[in-house]
Every structure is written in structure tokens, then in C-alpha cells.
Amino acid sequence: MRFPLMRNNISREDLDLVIEYLKQDDPILTNGINVKAFEDEWSKWLGVKYSVFVNSGASANLLTMAILKIKYPEGGEVITPPLTWISDVASVLQNGFTPVFADIDPTTLGMAPNEIIKKITHKTRAVFLTHVQGFNGLTDELLSELNRRDIALIEDVCESHGAQHYSSKLGSIGFISNFSFYYAHHMSTIEGGMICTNDATVYQQARMLRSHGMVRECSDEELKGSYKLDNPDLNPDFIFAYQAYNCRNTEIGGIMGRNQLKRLDTIVKKRTKNLEYFLKKIDPSIYRTEFKTKGSSNYAFNLILNKADDILVNKLMDKMRKGGIEFRRGSAGGGNQIRQPYLKGIVPINHHLEFPETEHVHFYGFYIGNFPDLRFDEIEEICEILNSV
């Protein structure tokens, strides 16, 4: 591919730091001081009190829903996006909640705030909102309504590092937020994710859930002591508070994350400039260009036909393949999650048809690569190919 989805996301400097660390006689490789330092530095950058580094964004989703289940053991409903990665929906199901879907806003690709509000019931336990591909999915109206009804906002920011709602970074606003550091994202620890919160109880739960549910992973000495007092017949090093997981990351991930974080703000600026240039160059008579870009931190160029046109969409895919443009049809997660086999028997037959905006993106939407070393002349060449369809 001449124009891949990602290029050069891990630098020579990142690799050299890892190599230097490995040259020690007996380097600690599992979760250690670099992981903790990365968590602290990430919290400061994001503007939250606590962060917990895990092995993937999907694990961050899973543990977040496990924390919600601790709060609501009886279950309930979680308002969930139909246009997102599978782990957002799967983690809801895996923790015994019922996903309730809300259609998207075509200008942000996130769940439309008015659709979310319409879906809230007395069974709603949280809104699990994905900030899709760098766009801000929040509005003041939505935040006010969730606050008024005391409903938790959980932010999936896996594709939107550095995006903002006014002066606050996305991921610093909700009850909990999740990030991913997969190779193609704004920054990479190869695989990796982060759970972020301002809630001290959530922080301790996330630390324990990340590591088999072990109480010794808790950093709150008073809480740790209470478990020991309540369980005198157990070895204090092996008290398991929750039926949990092993989602720890490594010192290698911590080293890479700390170094990549130093250049994240620069990366965000370059990605944003690329998006602005791309939107100027693609043909608005063919493609949607009316996106809410204020505060955005672009992950990928969204390419969505204005109108449903099966002949045109096939011509477009042919042009992109011949032009060496790597693409993903359906945008985030392959389009409408409600169409996927894992939801058969869980959602009603033809339920996917109730989400027309998501359905349009499923068939007539794509994303293509945007990354920091993508040049303007390359963007021009990409747009020439796209516009020639």
C-alpha cells in the first residue's frame, strides 16, 4: 500500500530506549516502576487523579464494565453505540448488562445526544459513549441531563487522544474513561490501554481487577488492612477480592508510553492540520465534509458518500485498491455492530434497520490513514484519486 492506515508510529528512539533497558543484567520486565511512572505522567497530561495501565483498550473496556457491575450487581441497561469497536458492546454483555443502542450523529459519528436521552429509562446504569475517530461526542445538554439523572458517563477515547470538550480533554469528564495504545492509534505501546478516573474507589478496584483481583495490588493501606482483618485465615499476600483477570502490561510498554507521551501534543496538532487539509481537498459534491471538528484530534480520514449509491461505492473501492490506498469499510469496527453474529438472539431480528445513520456509514462509509508524517502533497494525491471516482 502506498498510503497505509499507519506509518512509523514507533520511533527509533522508542526502540533504543527499550534496548538500553534490556541491556541490564537482570531487568524487571513485568509491571514495575516504569508502568507506575507512565500512569502518573498520563494522569497529569489528561487532567485526572488516577490511571491504571492495562494490556489493551479492550481490557480497559472489560474492567470498566466489571467496575460498573460491582456498583450495580443486579445489572441493568447500558446505552451503547452501534458504531464502535466490538469490545464496547461485548464488555457490556460479558458483565451481565443489557446494551441499548442509540443511533449516531453524522457530524461526529458518535451517538447523537438526543438519541441517547430518548433511550434513558429507570434501568439505565451508564452511557458508554465512544468518541469516534477523534471527534468530540459530548454536548452540554447531554452532560447536564446525565448529571441531573445521576447516570454515569463512561468515555471510550481509544481513537481520540487529546481531543477536547472546551478546555477539558476527553477522558477527564466522565465517571471512568478508557484509552488504547494499539499500533495505529495516536500513540503506541505496541498493545496497551489505560483506565482513568477521579474516583479513589474505582482506582483501587481497577488495580485489583487488573491483577487477578488480588488485594495486595491495592495501594490504599486502610482498605488493604480491612481485607486482612476480615479474612484472618488467608495468607495476606493471596487474598482475592474479585473474580478477576490478568490484564497487566509490562515495563517495555511503560517505557514506550512514557517516551511517546512526550510528543503526543505535537502528534495531535499534525493530525488535526492533516484533517483540515483533507476536508478542503475532497469533493463535497461526492463526500460528506460537514463534521464537527472543533476540539477534534483526528485518528483517520472519514470518507462517507453523501448518498447511498452501490455503483459509486464499488467504483470507489476499486479506485482506492488500484491507487494503493488502504481503507476500512464501515468506519469504526466494521460498521453497524448490531449486524454482527455475536448479537444474534440478543437483539430483535432486523434491529439494525432502526439505526439509519449507522446503516449509511456501514455501506457507504470508510476511513483511510492519517498519521503525523503524512505530507500535504500525499494528501493531495489521495484526494485526486478519491475525487476522480
Protein backbone atom coordinates (compact mmCIF):
# COMPACT_ATOMS: atom_id res chain seq x y z
CA MET A 1 0.00 0.00 0.00
CA ARG A 2 1.36 3.42 -0.98
CA PHE A 3 -0.97 5.06 1.53
CA PRO A 4 -1.36 2.74 4.56
CA LEU A 5 -3.53 3.28 7.62
CA MET A 6 -0.44 3.99 9.72
CA ARG A 7 3.24 4.62 9.14
CA ASN A 8 6.20 4.99 11.53
CA ASN A 9 4.19 5.11 14.76
CA ILE A 10 7.04 3.62 16.80
CA SER A 11 10.25 5.64 16.53
CA ARG A 12 13.87 4.56 16.55
CA GLU A 13 14.23 6.44 19.84
CA ASP A 14 11.40 4.38 21.39
CA LEU A 15 13.13 1.15 20.38
CA ASP A 16 16.57 2.31 21.51
CA LEU A 17 15.23 3.11 24.99
CA VAL A 18 13.77 -0.39 25.25
CA ILE A 19 17.04 -1.94 24.02
CA GLU A 20 19.05 0.08 26.54
CA TYR A 21 16.75 -1.12 29.33
CA LEU A 22 17.13 -4.74 28.22
CA LYS A 23 20.93 -4.48 28.35
CA GLN A 24 20.78 -4.54 32.16
CA ASP A 25 21.98 -7.75 33.78
CA ASP A 26 18.59 -8.54 35.29
CA PRO A 27 15.92 -6.10 34.06
CA ILE A 28 12.45 -6.28 35.58
CA LEU A 29 10.11 -6.88 32.67
CA THR A 30 6.70 -7.27 34.28
CA ASN A 31 4.61 -4.46 35.78
CA GLY A 32 7.05 -2.19 37.67
CA ILE A 33 8.34 1.34 38.16
CA ASN A 34 8.03 2.42 34.52
CA VAL A 35 4.39 1.32 34.42
CA LYS A 36 3.65 3.37 37.56
CA ALA A 37 5.59 6.37 36.20
CA PHE A 38 3.66 6.18 32.92
CA GLU A 39 0.37 6.08 34.82
CA ASP A 40 1.31 9.17 36.84
CA GLU A 41 2.56 11.10 33.79
CA TRP A 42 -0.53 10.14 31.79
CA SER A 43 -2.84 11.30 34.62
CA LYS A 44 -1.07 14.67 34.70
CA TRP A 45 -1.31 15.04 30.92
CA LEU A 46 -5.02 14.10 30.84
CA GLY A 47 -6.04 16.04 33.93
CA VAL A 48 -7.30 13.22 36.17
CA LYS A 49 -6.25 11.89 39.56
CA TYR A 50 -5.75 8.23 38.71
CA SER A 51 -4.79 6.00 35.78
CA VAL A 52 -4.26 2.23 35.51
CA PHE A 53 -2.18 0.84 32.63
CA VAL A 54 -3.53 -2.40 31.15
CA ASN A 55 -2.68 -4.67 28.23
CA SER A 56 -5.23 -3.28 25.72
CA GLY A 57 -8.06 -0.85 25.19
CA ALA A 58 -10.41 -3.85 25.08
CA SER A 59 -9.21 -4.86 28.56
CA ALA A 60 -9.85 -1.30 29.72
CA ASN A 61 -13.43 -1.69 28.45
CA LEU A 62 -13.80 -5.07 30.16
CA LEU A 63 -12.52 -3.90 33.55
CA THR A 64 -14.59 -0.72 33.39
CA MET A 65 -17.77 -2.72 32.93
CA ALA A 66 -16.65 -5.07 35.73
CA ILE A 67 -16.36 -2.00 37.98
CA LEU A 68 -19.86 -0.93 36.94
CA LYS A 69 -21.09 -4.44 37.84
CA ILE A 70 -19.62 -4.08 41.33
CA LYS A 71 -21.66 -0.89 41.67
CA TYR A 72 -24.81 -2.45 40.16
CA PRO A 73 -24.69 -6.22 40.87
CA GLU A 74 -28.32 -6.52 39.80
CA GLY A 75 -27.38 -5.43 36.28
CA GLY A 76 -29.41 -3.06 34.17
CA GLU A 77 -29.08 -1.24 30.86
CA VAL A 78 -26.06 0.49 29.35
CA ILE A 79 -26.62 2.83 26.40
CA THR A 80 -24.11 1.65 23.84
CA PRO A 81 -23.00 2.84 20.38
CA PRO A 82 -23.79 0.75 17.30
CA LEU A 83 -20.76 2.28 15.52
CA THR A 84 -17.78 1.30 17.66
CA TRP A 85 -15.29 -1.48 18.30
CA ILE A 86 -16.72 -4.84 19.38
CA SER A 87 -15.23 -4.65 22.89
CA ASP A 88 -17.53 -1.78 23.84
CA VAL A 89 -20.56 -3.98 23.23
CA ALA A 90 -19.01 -7.29 24.29
CA SER A 91 -17.84 -5.92 27.65
CA VAL A 92 -21.40 -4.80 28.42
CA LEU A 93 -22.72 -8.29 27.70
CA GLN A 94 -19.87 -10.07 29.48
CA ASN A 95 -20.73 -8.26 32.70
CA GLY A 96 -24.42 -9.03 32.59
CA PHE A 97 -25.74 -5.70 31.38
CA THR A 98 -28.18 -5.16 28.53
CA PRO A 99 -26.90 -2.98 25.68
CA VAL A 100 -29.38 -0.37 24.48
CA PHE A 101 -28.28 1.19 21.20
CA ALA A 102 -28.62 4.81 20.08
CA ASP A 103 -28.08 5.99 16.51
CA ILE A 104 -25.21 8.29 15.61
CA ASP A 105 -24.81 11.97 14.81
CA PRO A 106 -23.42 12.10 11.25
CA THR A 107 -21.26 15.11 12.12
CA THR A 108 -19.37 13.30 14.94
CA LEU A 109 -20.09 9.60 14.23
CA GLY A 110 -20.72 9.25 17.97
CA MET A 111 -24.12 8.54 19.48
CA ALA A 112 -26.43 11.51 18.92
CA PRO A 113 -27.10 13.16 22.31
CA ASN A 114 -30.84 13.48 21.62
CA GLU A 115 -30.98 9.76 20.75
CA ILE A 116 -29.17 8.90 23.98
CA ILE A 117 -31.56 10.95 26.07
CA LYS A 118 -34.57 9.27 24.41
CA LYS A 119 -33.22 5.84 25.40
CA ILE A 120 -32.73 6.60 29.12
CA THR A 121 -35.04 4.62 31.46
CA HIS A 122 -35.11 3.77 35.16
CA LYS A 123 -32.94 0.75 34.26
CA THR A 124 -30.13 2.84 32.72
CA ARG A 125 -26.90 2.40 34.67
CA ALA A 126 -24.47 4.20 32.36
CA VAL A 127 -23.93 5.79 28.98
CA PHE A 128 -20.91 4.18 27.30
CA LEU A 129 -20.04 6.85 24.75
CA THR A 130 -17.35 6.33 22.11
CA HIS A 131 -15.60 9.45 20.85
CA VAL A 132 -15.24 8.09 17.33
CA GLN A 133 -12.01 8.68 15.42
CA GLY A 134 -11.06 11.91 17.12
CA PHE A 135 -14.43 13.68 17.23
CA ASN A 136 -15.94 15.05 20.44
CA GLY A 137 -19.24 13.23 21.08
CA LEU A 138 -20.29 15.36 24.06
CA THR A 139 -22.69 18.28 24.35
CA ASP A 140 -23.52 20.42 27.36
CA GLU A 141 -27.14 19.28 27.10
CA LEU A 142 -26.14 15.62 27.39
CA LEU A 143 -23.78 16.22 30.31
CA SER A 144 -26.43 18.25 32.12
CA GLU A 145 -29.09 15.55 31.61
CA LEU A 146 -26.81 12.74 32.81
CA ASN A 147 -25.83 14.79 35.84
CA ARG A 148 -29.48 15.58 36.61
CA ARG A 149 -30.44 11.89 36.44
CA ASP A 150 -27.27 10.70 38.22
CA ILE A 151 -26.28 8.41 35.33
CA ALA A 152 -22.62 7.54 34.90
CA LEU A 153 -20.82 8.66 31.75
CA ILE A 154 -18.15 6.24 30.59
CA GLU A 155 -15.94 7.62 27.82
CA ASP A 156 -14.23 5.42 25.25
CA VAL A 157 -11.41 7.63 24.00
CA CYS A 158 -9.42 4.86 22.32
CA GLU A 159 -9.26 6.73 19.00
CA SER A 160 -9.34 10.30 20.27
CA HIS A 161 -6.31 11.09 22.45
CA GLY A 162 -6.03 14.82 23.04
CA ALA A 163 -9.49 15.78 21.74
CA GLN A 164 -11.29 18.32 23.90
CA HIS A 165 -14.69 19.49 25.10
CA TYR A 166 -13.96 23.19 25.57
CA SER A 167 -10.76 23.24 27.66
CA SER A 168 -11.16 19.74 29.14
CA LYS A 169 -9.57 16.75 27.46
CA LEU A 170 -11.94 13.96 26.56
CA GLY A 171 -11.48 11.21 29.09
CA SER A 172 -11.29 13.63 32.01
CA ILE A 173 -15.02 14.35 32.09
CA GLY A 174 -16.84 11.09 32.77
CA PHE A 175 -17.01 8.68 35.72
CA ILE A 176 -14.41 6.46 34.02
CA SER A 177 -12.61 6.65 30.68
CA ASN A 178 -10.74 4.16 28.50
CA PHE A 179 -7.81 4.66 26.12
CA SER A 180 -5.99 2.36 23.70
CA PHE A 181 -2.32 2.43 22.73
CA TYR A 182 -2.58 -0.01 19.84
CA TYR A 183 -0.09 0.44 16.98
CA ALA A 184 -2.36 2.50 14.73
CA HIS A 185 -3.59 4.92 17.41
CA HIS A 186 -2.27 8.38 18.32
CA MET A 187 0.48 6.83 20.39
CA SER A 188 1.51 3.21 20.80
CA THR A 189 2.90 0.86 23.42
CA ILE A 190 2.53 -1.95 20.82
CA GLU A 191 -0.52 -3.24 22.70
CA GLY A 192 -1.89 -1.36 25.68
CA GLY A 193 -4.68 0.62 27.25
CA MET A 194 -5.47 2.92 30.17
CA ILE A 195 -8.34 3.25 32.63
CA CYS A 196 -8.72 6.78 34.01
CA THR A 197 -10.86 8.21 36.81
CA ASN A 198 -11.10 10.79 39.57
CA ASP A 199 -12.81 8.28 41.87
CA ALA A 200 -10.49 6.75 44.51
CA THR A 201 -12.67 3.65 44.95
CA VAL A 202 -12.74 2.99 41.20
CA TYR A 203 -8.95 3.35 41.11
CA GLN A 204 -8.44 0.67 43.76
CA GLN A 205 -10.95 -1.64 42.08
CA ALA A 206 -9.22 -1.22 38.72
CA ARG A 207 -5.81 -2.01 40.27
CA MET A 208 -7.15 -5.21 41.80
CA LEU A 209 -9.24 -6.29 38.81
CA ARG A 210 -6.20 -5.83 36.56
CA SER A 211 -4.23 -8.39 38.59
CA HIS A 212 -6.40 -11.40 39.43
CA GLY A 213 -8.44 -9.45 41.99
CA MET A 214 -5.51 -9.56 44.44
CA VAL A 215 -5.83 -7.27 47.43
CA ARG A 216 -2.05 -6.78 47.56
CA GLU A 217 -2.36 -4.75 44.33
CA CYS A 218 -4.42 -2.19 46.24
CA SER A 219 -2.43 0.95 47.12
CA ASP A 220 -4.84 2.06 49.85
CA GLU A 221 -3.32 0.68 53.08
CA GLU A 222 -6.50 1.16 55.08
CA LEU A 223 -8.56 -0.81 52.55
CA LYS A 224 -5.88 -3.47 52.32
CA GLY A 225 -5.87 -3.76 56.14
CA SER A 226 -9.64 -4.20 56.28
CA TYR A 227 -9.44 -7.20 53.94
CA LYS A 228 -6.77 -8.74 56.15
CA LEU A 229 -8.85 -8.25 59.29
CA ASP A 230 -11.94 -9.73 57.63
CA ASN A 231 -10.02 -12.77 56.35
CA PRO A 232 -7.62 -13.84 59.15
CA ASP A 233 -7.36 -17.43 57.84
CA LEU A 234 -5.94 -16.30 54.49
CA ASN A 235 -2.36 -15.56 53.55
CA PRO A 236 -2.41 -11.74 53.27
CA ASP A 237 -0.39 -11.95 50.06
CA PHE A 238 -3.10 -14.06 48.44
CA ILE A 239 -6.46 -12.54 49.23
CA PHE A 240 -8.62 -12.28 46.11
CA ALA A 241 -11.36 -9.67 46.42
CA TYR A 242 -12.91 -10.23 42.98
CA GLN A 243 -13.23 -12.99 40.41
CA ALA A 244 -11.00 -11.01 38.11
CA TYR A 245 -8.47 -11.09 35.28
CA ASN A 246 -4.81 -10.73 34.39
CA CYS A 247 -4.66 -7.57 32.28
CA ARG A 248 -1.29 -6.20 33.36
CA ASN A 249 1.08 -4.51 30.96
CA THR A 250 4.89 -4.62 31.11
CA GLU A 251 7.87 -2.38 31.74
CA ILE A 252 8.53 -2.35 28.00
CA GLY A 253 5.07 -0.86 27.46
CA GLY A 254 5.69 1.64 30.24
CA ILE A 255 9.00 2.77 28.72
CA MET A 256 7.45 3.23 25.28
CA GLY A 257 4.41 5.00 26.68
CA ARG A 258 6.48 7.47 28.68
CA ASN A 259 8.58 8.38 25.65
CA GLN A 260 5.67 8.62 23.22
CA LEU A 261 3.70 10.81 25.62
CA LYS A 262 6.41 13.48 25.26
CA ARG A 263 5.44 14.02 21.62
CA LEU A 264 1.69 13.35 21.82
CA ASP A 265 0.65 17.03 21.74
CA THR A 266 2.74 17.56 18.60
CA ILE A 267 1.18 14.48 17.02
CA VAL A 268 -2.32 15.75 17.77
CA LYS A 269 -1.58 19.12 16.11
CA LYS A 270 -0.22 17.49 12.96
CA ARG A 271 -3.13 15.07 12.66
CA THR A 272 -5.56 17.97 13.04
CA LYS A 273 -3.82 20.00 10.31
CA ASN A 274 -3.92 16.97 8.04
CA LEU A 275 -7.67 16.59 8.57
CA GLU A 276 -8.31 20.25 7.81
CA TYR A 277 -6.34 19.97 4.57
CA PHE A 278 -8.07 16.73 3.60
CA LEU A 279 -11.53 18.24 4.09
CA LYS A 280 -10.55 21.17 1.86
CA LYS A 281 -9.39 18.89 -0.92
CA ILE A 282 -12.08 16.19 -1.16
CA ASP A 283 -15.09 16.89 -3.35
CA PRO A 284 -18.09 17.92 -1.20
CA SER A 285 -20.47 17.04 -4.03
CA ILE A 286 -19.48 13.37 -3.54
CA TYR A 287 -18.40 13.12 0.10
CA ARG A 288 -19.54 14.46 3.45
CA THR A 289 -17.36 17.27 4.73
CA GLU A 290 -19.62 18.72 7.45
CA PHE A 291 -18.02 17.30 10.58
CA LYS A 292 -17.80 18.97 13.99
CA THR A 293 -14.05 19.49 14.03
CA LYS A 294 -13.82 21.91 16.97
CA GLY A 295 -11.68 20.28 19.63
CA SER A 296 -11.09 17.19 17.47
CA SER A 297 -7.93 15.10 17.41
CA ASN A 298 -8.17 13.18 14.18
CA TYR A 299 -7.49 9.46 14.09
CA ALA A 300 -8.28 8.78 10.43
CA PHE A 301 -9.82 10.49 7.41
CA ASN A 302 -13.51 9.68 7.16
CA LEU A 303 -14.78 9.14 3.67
CA ILE A 304 -18.58 8.92 3.56
CA LEU A 305 -20.68 9.20 0.42
CA ASN A 306 -23.35 11.87 0.54
CA LYS A 307 -25.92 9.49 -0.93
CA ALA A 308 -26.47 5.75 -0.95
CA ASP A 309 -25.09 4.58 -4.29
CA ASP A 310 -24.00 0.96 -4.75
CA ILE A 311 -22.41 1.53 -8.15
CA LEU A 312 -20.41 4.51 -6.92
CA VAL A 313 -19.24 2.82 -3.73
CA ASN A 314 -17.88 -0.14 -5.71
CA LYS A 315 -16.10 2.21 -8.12
CA LEU A 316 -14.61 4.00 -5.13
CA MET A 317 -13.24 0.79 -3.58
CA ASP A 318 -11.76 -0.20 -6.94
CA LYS A 319 -10.08 3.21 -7.30
CA MET A 320 -8.63 3.01 -3.79
CA ARG A 321 -7.25 -0.50 -4.33
CA LYS A 322 -5.65 0.46 -7.63
CA GLY A 323 -4.28 3.68 -6.14
CA GLY A 324 -2.70 1.87 -3.18
CA ILE A 325 -4.95 3.49 -0.57
CA GLU A 326 -5.56 1.19 2.39
CA PHE A 327 -9.10 1.56 3.74
CA ARG A 328 -11.61 0.12 6.17
CA ARG A 329 -15.21 -0.08 5.06
CA GLY A 330 -17.89 0.78 7.59
CA SER A 331 -15.59 3.04 9.59
CA ALA A 332 -15.12 2.18 13.28
CA GLY A 333 -15.26 -1.55 13.98
CA GLY A 334 -16.51 -2.53 10.53
CA GLY A 335 -19.80 -0.65 10.61
CA ASN A 336 -23.04 -1.46 12.38
CA GLN A 337 -22.22 -3.78 15.29
CA ILE A 338 -25.88 -4.80 15.55
CA ARG A 339 -25.46 -6.78 12.32
CA GLN A 340 -22.73 -8.98 13.84
CA PRO A 341 -23.25 -12.71 14.53
CA TYR A 342 -22.45 -12.41 18.25
CA LEU A 343 -25.64 -10.37 18.77
CA LYS A 344 -27.97 -12.84 17.09
CA GLY A 345 -30.57 -13.97 19.61
CA ILE A 346 -29.71 -10.99 21.83
CA VAL A 347 -31.23 -8.20 19.75
CA PRO A 348 -34.52 -8.50 17.81
CA ILE A 349 -34.46 -9.60 14.17
CA ASN A 350 -33.79 -6.64 11.84
CA HIS A 351 -32.99 -4.40 14.83
CA HIS A 352 -30.09 -2.95 12.81
CA LEU A 353 -32.55 -1.26 10.46
CA GLU A 354 -33.69 1.06 13.26
CA PHE A 355 -30.38 2.97 13.01
CA PRO A 356 -30.37 4.63 9.56
CA GLU A 357 -27.36 6.90 10.12
CA THR A 358 -25.23 3.95 11.25
CA GLU A 359 -26.55 1.87 8.35
CA HIS A 360 -25.44 4.52 5.86
CA VAL A 361 -21.90 4.51 7.24
CA HIS A 362 -21.92 0.69 7.27
CA PHE A 363 -22.32 0.51 3.50
CA TYR A 364 -21.14 3.90 2.22
CA GLY A 365 -18.51 4.96 4.76
CA PHE A 366 -14.77 4.31 5.03
CA TYR A 367 -11.76 5.51 6.88
CA ILE A 368 -8.29 5.90 5.45
CA GLY A 369 -4.96 6.61 7.10
CA ASN A 370 -3.92 9.85 8.76
CA PHE A 371 -0.65 9.95 10.68
CA PRO A 372 1.98 12.54 11.66
CA ASP A 373 4.44 12.03 8.80
CA LEU A 374 1.74 12.11 6.11
CA ARG A 375 2.67 15.04 3.87
CA PHE A 376 0.32 17.57 2.26
CA ASP A 377 1.45 16.52 -1.23
CA GLU A 378 0.45 12.95 -0.35
CA ILE A 379 -2.95 14.16 0.86
CA GLU A 380 -3.39 15.97 -2.47
CA GLU A 381 -2.58 12.77 -4.37
CA ILE A 382 -5.02 10.78 -2.23
CA CYS A 383 -7.78 13.31 -2.86
CA GLU A 384 -7.13 13.32 -6.60
CA ILE A 385 -7.74 9.57 -6.63
CA LEU A 386 -10.86 9.86 -4.46
CA ASN A 387 -12.33 12.76 -6.44
CA SER A 388 -11.75 11.00 -9.78
CA VAL A 389 -14.38 8.40 -8.95
